[in-house]
Amino acid sequence: MQASFTPKDPDYARRVAASFARQGFMAHLGAVLERVEPGLVEIGLDAADHLSQQHGYFHAGGTIAIADSAAGYAALSLFPAGSGILTSELKINLLNPASGPRLVARGAVVKPGRTLTICRGDVYGGEGAATHVATGLFTMMRLEGLDD
């Protein structure tokens, strides 16, 4: 069950979307911002040859990247305007081969903080994004004076 959070910036969704649009790496992968709520963000990634590893599964780098971005943007959604976000720590477990037509990463805030926010990032794949392929914990650091 997702906790309910109140964002410090009523314009959080626009700010998250604008920041995501400036991310060159997400654009390079072909990732798409699909859902933005206070403390919850989902990012989708369609399968493509350049995202695969030698056995045809999604490469773990892409899986981890969308989990990290989803978690970071979940944290950013709760921060005041003029805040930026950086990952300061992450630990991820790859649970199943990441296959299927697409992956969906769901980032959710576990414990918000003034400077450090703890998030969870889960990635699902397979038909209908029904297979849990990765789960991780992320520590996100709020940076003042940046407009992410």
Protein backbone atom coordinates (compact mmCIF):
# COMPACT_ATOMS: atom_id res chain seq x y z
CA MET A 1 0.00 0.00 0.00
CA GLN A 2 1.36 3.41 -1.01
CA ALA A 3 1.59 6.03 1.74
CA SER A 4 -0.11 9.35 1.14
CA PHE A 5 2.16 12.39 0.87
CA THR A 6 1.57 16.10 0.43
CA PRO A 7 4.04 17.76 -1.97
CA LYS A 8 5.71 21.01 -0.88
CA ASP A 9 5.28 22.38 -4.41
CA PRO A 10 1.76 22.33 -5.90
CA ASP A 11 3.40 22.40 -9.36
CA TYR A 12 5.36 19.19 -8.64
CA ALA A 13 4.05 17.21 -11.65
CA ARG A 14 5.10 19.86 -14.17
CA ARG A 15 8.50 20.20 -12.49
CA VAL A 16 9.09 16.42 -12.55
CA ALA A 17 8.03 16.18 -16.21
CA ALA A 18 10.26 19.12 -17.20
CA SER A 19 13.25 17.59 -15.44
CA PHE A 20 12.61 14.19 -17.01
CA ALA A 21 12.45 15.82 -20.46
CA ARG A 22 15.98 17.21 -19.91
CA GLN A 23 17.48 13.79 -19.08
CA GLY A 24 19.61 12.79 -22.02
CA PHE A 25 20.16 9.25 -20.79
CA MET A 26 16.45 8.50 -20.38
CA ALA A 27 15.87 9.87 -23.90
CA HIS A 28 18.76 7.75 -25.21
CA LEU A 29 17.17 4.63 -23.72
CA GLY A 30 13.71 5.57 -24.99
CA ALA A 31 12.22 5.69 -21.49
CA VAL A 32 8.87 7.41 -21.00
CA LEU A 33 7.46 9.11 -17.92
CA GLU A 34 4.07 7.44 -17.43
CA ARG A 35 2.75 8.38 -13.99
CA VAL A 36 3.50 11.17 -11.51
CA GLU A 37 1.82 11.41 -8.12
CA PRO A 38 3.11 12.76 -4.81
CA GLY A 39 5.79 10.26 -3.78
CA LEU A 40 5.13 7.88 -6.71
CA VAL A 41 6.52 7.83 -10.26
CA GLU A 42 6.38 5.23 -13.02
CA ILE A 43 8.70 5.05 -16.04
CA GLY A 44 8.19 2.70 -18.99
CA LEU A 45 10.80 1.30 -21.35
CA ASP A 46 9.97 -0.60 -24.55
CA ALA A 47 12.23 -3.43 -25.68
CA ALA A 48 14.76 -2.67 -28.40
CA ASP A 49 17.85 -4.44 -29.71
CA HIS A 50 20.19 -1.76 -28.33
CA LEU A 51 18.82 -2.36 -24.81
CA SER A 52 19.47 -6.11 -24.76
CA GLN A 53 22.30 -8.23 -23.47
CA GLN A 54 23.75 -11.32 -25.16
CA HIS A 55 20.81 -13.62 -24.25
CA GLY A 56 18.14 -11.23 -25.50
CA TYR A 57 16.97 -9.96 -22.11
CA PHE A 58 16.99 -6.28 -21.18
CA HIS A 59 20.48 -5.31 -20.02
CA ALA A 60 20.65 -4.79 -16.25
CA GLY A 61 22.00 -1.28 -16.88
CA GLY A 62 18.70 -0.20 -18.41
CA THR A 63 16.70 -1.92 -15.69
CA ILE A 64 18.70 -0.20 -12.95
CA ALA A 65 18.62 3.17 -14.72
CA ILE A 66 14.83 3.35 -14.90
CA ALA A 67 14.48 2.14 -11.30
CA ASP A 68 16.90 4.85 -10.15
CA SER A 69 15.15 7.60 -12.12
CA ALA A 70 11.69 6.52 -10.95
CA ALA A 71 12.84 6.54 -7.32
CA GLY A 72 14.58 9.90 -7.73
CA TYR A 73 11.57 11.54 -9.31
CA ALA A 74 9.30 10.09 -6.62
CA ALA A 75 11.48 11.90 -4.07
CA LEU A 76 11.64 15.09 -6.14
CA SER A 77 7.84 15.19 -6.31
CA LEU A 78 7.77 15.95 -2.57
CA PHE A 79 10.52 18.59 -2.50
CA PRO A 80 9.95 22.34 -2.61
CA ALA A 81 10.49 24.33 -5.80
CA GLY A 82 14.14 25.19 -6.38
CA SER A 83 15.28 21.72 -5.29
CA GLY A 84 17.35 19.24 -7.22
CA ILE A 85 17.91 15.55 -6.65
CA LEU A 86 20.91 13.21 -6.70
CA THR A 87 21.18 9.54 -5.83
CA SER A 88 23.60 9.11 -2.96
CA GLU A 89 23.23 5.36 -2.46
CA LEU A 90 21.48 2.45 -4.11
CA LYS A 91 21.20 -1.27 -3.62
CA ILE A 92 19.31 -3.33 -6.16
CA ASN A 93 18.46 -6.99 -6.50
CA LEU A 94 17.82 -8.48 -9.94
CA LEU A 95 15.10 -11.05 -9.26
CA ASN A 96 14.22 -12.47 -12.69
CA PRO A 97 15.44 -12.03 -16.26
CA ALA A 98 14.01 -8.77 -17.59
CA SER A 99 12.08 -9.83 -20.67
CA GLY A 100 8.94 -9.00 -22.56
CA PRO A 101 7.86 -6.18 -24.73
CA ARG A 102 8.48 -3.56 -22.03
CA LEU A 103 9.61 -2.78 -18.51
CA VAL A 104 7.83 -0.56 -16.01
CA ALA A 105 9.72 0.94 -13.08
CA ARG A 106 7.75 2.16 -10.08
CA GLY A 107 9.54 4.49 -7.69
CA ALA A 108 7.93 5.17 -4.31
CA VAL A 109 8.98 7.20 -1.31
CA VAL A 110 9.40 5.07 1.81
CA LYS A 111 10.53 7.83 4.19
CA PRO A 112 10.69 11.48 3.18
CA GLY A 113 13.26 13.78 4.70
CA ARG A 114 14.48 17.36 4.48
CA THR A 115 17.85 16.37 2.96
CA LEU A 116 17.77 12.58 2.51
CA THR A 117 14.75 10.64 1.29
CA ILE A 118 14.56 6.85 1.19
CA CYS A 119 12.79 5.32 -1.81
CA ARG A 120 11.99 1.94 -3.18
CA GLY A 121 12.28 1.12 -6.86
CA ASP A 122 10.58 -1.92 -8.37
CA VAL A 123 10.77 -2.98 -12.01
CA TYR A 124 8.28 -5.28 -13.71
CA GLY A 125 8.51 -6.98 -17.11
CA GLY A 126 7.15 -9.89 -19.07
CA GLU A 127 3.70 -10.04 -20.61
CA GLY A 128 1.56 -7.34 -19.08
CA ALA A 129 4.49 -6.28 -16.87
CA ALA A 130 3.47 -9.07 -14.48
CA THR A 131 6.94 -10.38 -13.55
CA HIS A 132 8.87 -8.64 -10.77
CA VAL A 133 12.36 -8.36 -12.27
CA ALA A 134 14.15 -6.02 -9.84
CA THR A 135 13.75 -4.30 -6.51
CA GLY A 136 15.98 -1.76 -4.86
CA LEU A 137 16.40 0.76 -2.09
CA PHE A 138 17.64 4.24 -2.92
CA THR A 139 18.83 7.14 -0.81
CA MET A 140 18.10 10.43 -2.56
CA MET A 141 19.77 13.68 -1.60
CA ARG A 142 17.96 16.99 -1.98
CA LEU A 143 20.06 19.80 -3.41
CA GLU A 144 18.99 23.38 -2.79
CA GLY A 145 19.27 26.06 -5.43
CA LEU A 146 18.73 23.78 -8.42
CA ASP A 147 15.55 23.76 -10.39
CA ASP A 148 15.29 20.14 -11.44
